[in-house]
């Protein structure tokens, strides 16, 4: 049996949706603490550059 055709983009998203929270967590695992820290440091640096705030040390 073939899956039904999507009528709109939203229908297409619904057809691809994960069935439950456990499957969602398996598909999109949380990043590590080090990865979050690195991203936050980079965003802080870019924000400081954007605002022309001198960096401390």
N, C-alpha and C. Protein backbone atom coordinates (compact mmCIF):
# COMPACT_ATOMS: atom_id res chain seq x y z
N UNK A 1 0.83 -1.18 0.00
CA UNK A 1 0.00 0.00 0.00
C UNK A 1 0.87 1.25 0.00
N UNK A 2 0.61 2.19 -0.88
CA UNK A 2 1.41 3.41 -0.96
C UNK A 2 0.84 4.47 -0.04
N UNK A 3 1.73 5.35 0.50
CA UNK A 3 1.25 6.40 1.39
C UNK A 3 0.43 7.42 0.59
N UNK A 4 -0.52 8.10 1.25
CA UNK A 4 -1.34 9.10 0.54
C UNK A 4 -0.49 10.27 0.07
N UNK A 5 -0.90 10.88 -1.03
CA UNK A 5 -0.19 12.04 -1.54
C UNK A 5 -0.53 13.27 -0.72
N UNK A 6 0.45 14.15 -0.55
CA UNK A 6 0.23 15.38 0.20
C UNK A 6 -0.45 16.41 -0.69
N UNK A 7 -1.44 17.09 -0.11
CA UNK A 7 -2.15 18.12 -0.85
C UNK A 7 -1.44 19.45 -0.72
N UNK A 8 -0.88 19.71 0.43
CA UNK A 8 -0.18 20.98 0.67
C UNK A 8 1.15 20.70 1.37
N UNK A 9 1.93 21.75 1.55
CA UNK A 9 3.21 21.60 2.26
C UNK A 9 2.97 21.14 3.70
N UNK A 10 1.90 21.63 4.33
CA UNK A 10 1.60 21.23 5.70
C UNK A 10 1.24 19.76 5.78
N UNK A 11 0.50 19.26 4.78
CA UNK A 11 0.17 17.84 4.75
C UNK A 11 1.45 17.00 4.62
N UNK A 12 2.38 17.50 3.81
CA UNK A 12 3.64 16.81 3.63
C UNK A 12 4.40 16.73 4.95
N UNK A 13 4.39 17.83 5.71
CA UNK A 13 5.06 17.82 7.00
C UNK A 13 4.39 16.84 7.96
N UNK A 14 3.07 16.79 7.92
CA UNK A 14 2.35 15.86 8.80
C UNK A 14 2.70 14.41 8.48
N UNK A 15 2.84 14.11 7.20
CA UNK A 15 3.17 12.74 6.80
C UNK A 15 4.57 12.34 7.26
N UNK A 16 5.48 13.33 7.35
CA UNK A 16 6.86 13.07 7.77
C UNK A 16 7.05 13.19 9.28
N UNK A 17 6.04 13.59 10.00
CA UNK A 17 6.17 13.85 11.44
C UNK A 17 6.50 12.57 12.19
N UNK A 18 7.24 12.75 13.27
CA UNK A 18 7.55 11.60 14.12
C UNK A 18 6.33 11.27 14.97
N UNK A 19 6.15 9.99 15.31
CA UNK A 19 4.92 9.57 15.99
C UNK A 19 4.81 9.99 17.46
N UNK A 20 5.94 10.15 18.15
CA UNK A 20 5.85 10.48 19.58
C UNK A 20 7.11 11.19 20.06
N UNK A 21 7.10 11.60 21.32
CA UNK A 21 8.22 12.34 21.89
C UNK A 21 9.50 11.51 21.94
N UNK A 22 9.39 10.23 22.19
CA UNK A 22 10.59 9.38 22.24
C UNK A 22 11.28 9.33 20.88
N UNK A 23 10.49 9.18 19.83
CA UNK A 23 11.06 9.15 18.48
C UNK A 23 11.67 10.50 18.13
N UNK A 24 11.04 11.57 18.57
CA UNK A 24 11.57 12.91 18.33
C UNK A 24 12.92 13.08 19.02
N UNK A 25 13.04 12.62 20.26
CA UNK A 25 14.31 12.72 20.99
C UNK A 25 15.39 11.88 20.34
N UNK A 26 15.02 10.72 19.79
CA UNK A 26 16.01 9.89 19.10
C UNK A 26 16.48 10.57 17.82
N UNK A 27 15.55 11.21 17.11
CA UNK A 27 15.90 11.86 15.84
C UNK A 27 16.72 13.12 16.05
N UNK A 28 16.38 13.87 17.10
CA UNK A 28 17.05 15.15 17.37
C UNK A 28 17.54 15.16 18.80
N UNK A 29 18.66 14.53 19.03
CA UNK A 29 19.22 14.47 20.37
C UNK A 29 19.70 15.86 20.81
N UNK A 30 19.69 16.09 22.11
CA UNK A 30 20.16 17.37 22.63
C UNK A 30 21.67 17.48 22.43
N UNK A 31 22.17 18.69 22.16
CA UNK A 31 23.61 18.86 21.98
C UNK A 31 24.35 18.71 23.31
N UNK A 32 25.63 18.44 23.22
CA UNK A 32 26.43 18.31 24.43
C UNK A 32 26.62 19.67 25.09
N UNK A 33 27.00 19.65 26.35
CA UNK A 33 27.23 20.90 27.08
C UNK A 33 28.34 21.72 26.44
N UNK A 34 29.38 21.05 25.97
CA UNK A 34 30.50 21.74 25.32
C UNK A 34 30.05 22.42 24.02
N UNK A 35 29.19 21.76 23.26
CA UNK A 35 28.70 22.34 22.01
C UNK A 35 27.85 23.59 22.28
N UNK A 36 27.03 23.53 23.31
CA UNK A 36 26.21 24.68 23.68
C UNK A 36 27.10 25.83 24.13
N UNK A 37 28.10 25.54 24.97
CA UNK A 37 29.01 26.58 25.44
C UNK A 37 29.75 27.23 24.27
N UNK A 38 30.21 26.42 23.33
CA UNK A 38 30.93 26.95 22.16
C UNK A 38 30.02 27.87 21.35
N UNK A 39 28.78 27.44 21.13
CA UNK A 39 27.83 28.24 20.36
C UNK A 39 27.51 29.55 21.08
N UNK A 40 27.32 29.49 22.40
CA UNK A 40 27.03 30.70 23.16
C UNK A 40 28.21 31.67 23.13
N UNK A 41 29.44 31.14 23.23
CA UNK A 41 30.63 31.99 23.15
C UNK A 41 30.70 32.68 21.80
N UNK A 42 30.44 31.93 20.74
CA UNK A 42 30.48 32.51 19.40
C UNK A 42 29.39 33.57 19.23
N UNK A 43 28.20 33.30 19.72
CA UNK A 43 27.12 34.29 19.61
C UNK A 43 27.41 35.54 20.43
N UNK A 44 28.01 35.36 21.61
CA UNK A 44 28.39 36.52 22.43
C UNK A 44 29.42 37.36 21.70
N UNK A 45 30.42 36.72 21.13
CA UNK A 45 31.46 37.43 20.39
C UNK A 45 30.88 38.19 19.21
N UNK A 46 30.01 37.55 18.44
CA UNK A 46 29.41 38.21 17.28
C UNK A 46 28.52 39.37 17.71
N UNK A 47 27.81 39.22 18.83
CA UNK A 47 26.97 40.30 19.34
C UNK A 47 27.83 41.48 19.76
N UNK A 48 28.94 41.20 20.42
CA UNK A 48 29.84 42.27 20.82
C UNK A 48 30.40 43.00 19.60
N UNK A 49 30.75 42.27 18.57
CA UNK A 49 31.24 42.90 17.34
C UNK A 49 30.15 43.77 16.71
N UNK A 50 28.95 43.25 16.68
CA UNK A 50 27.83 43.96 16.09
C UNK A 50 27.55 45.26 16.84
N UNK A 51 27.64 45.19 18.16
CA UNK A 51 27.34 46.35 18.99
C UNK A 51 28.57 47.24 19.22
N UNK A 52 29.71 46.82 18.71
CA UNK A 52 30.99 47.54 18.86
C UNK A 52 31.36 47.70 20.33
N UNK A 53 31.11 46.65 21.10
CA UNK A 53 31.50 46.65 22.50
C UNK A 53 32.89 46.03 22.59
N UNK A 54 33.83 46.72 23.26
CA UNK A 54 35.17 46.13 23.37
C UNK A 54 35.13 44.84 24.20
N UNK A 55 35.85 43.85 23.76
CA UNK A 55 35.90 42.58 24.49
C UNK A 55 36.75 42.73 25.72
N UNK A 56 36.34 42.06 26.79
CA UNK A 56 37.14 42.05 28.01
C UNK A 56 38.10 40.88 27.92
N UNK A 57 39.36 41.14 27.94
CA UNK A 57 40.46 40.17 27.83
C UNK A 57 40.37 39.26 26.71
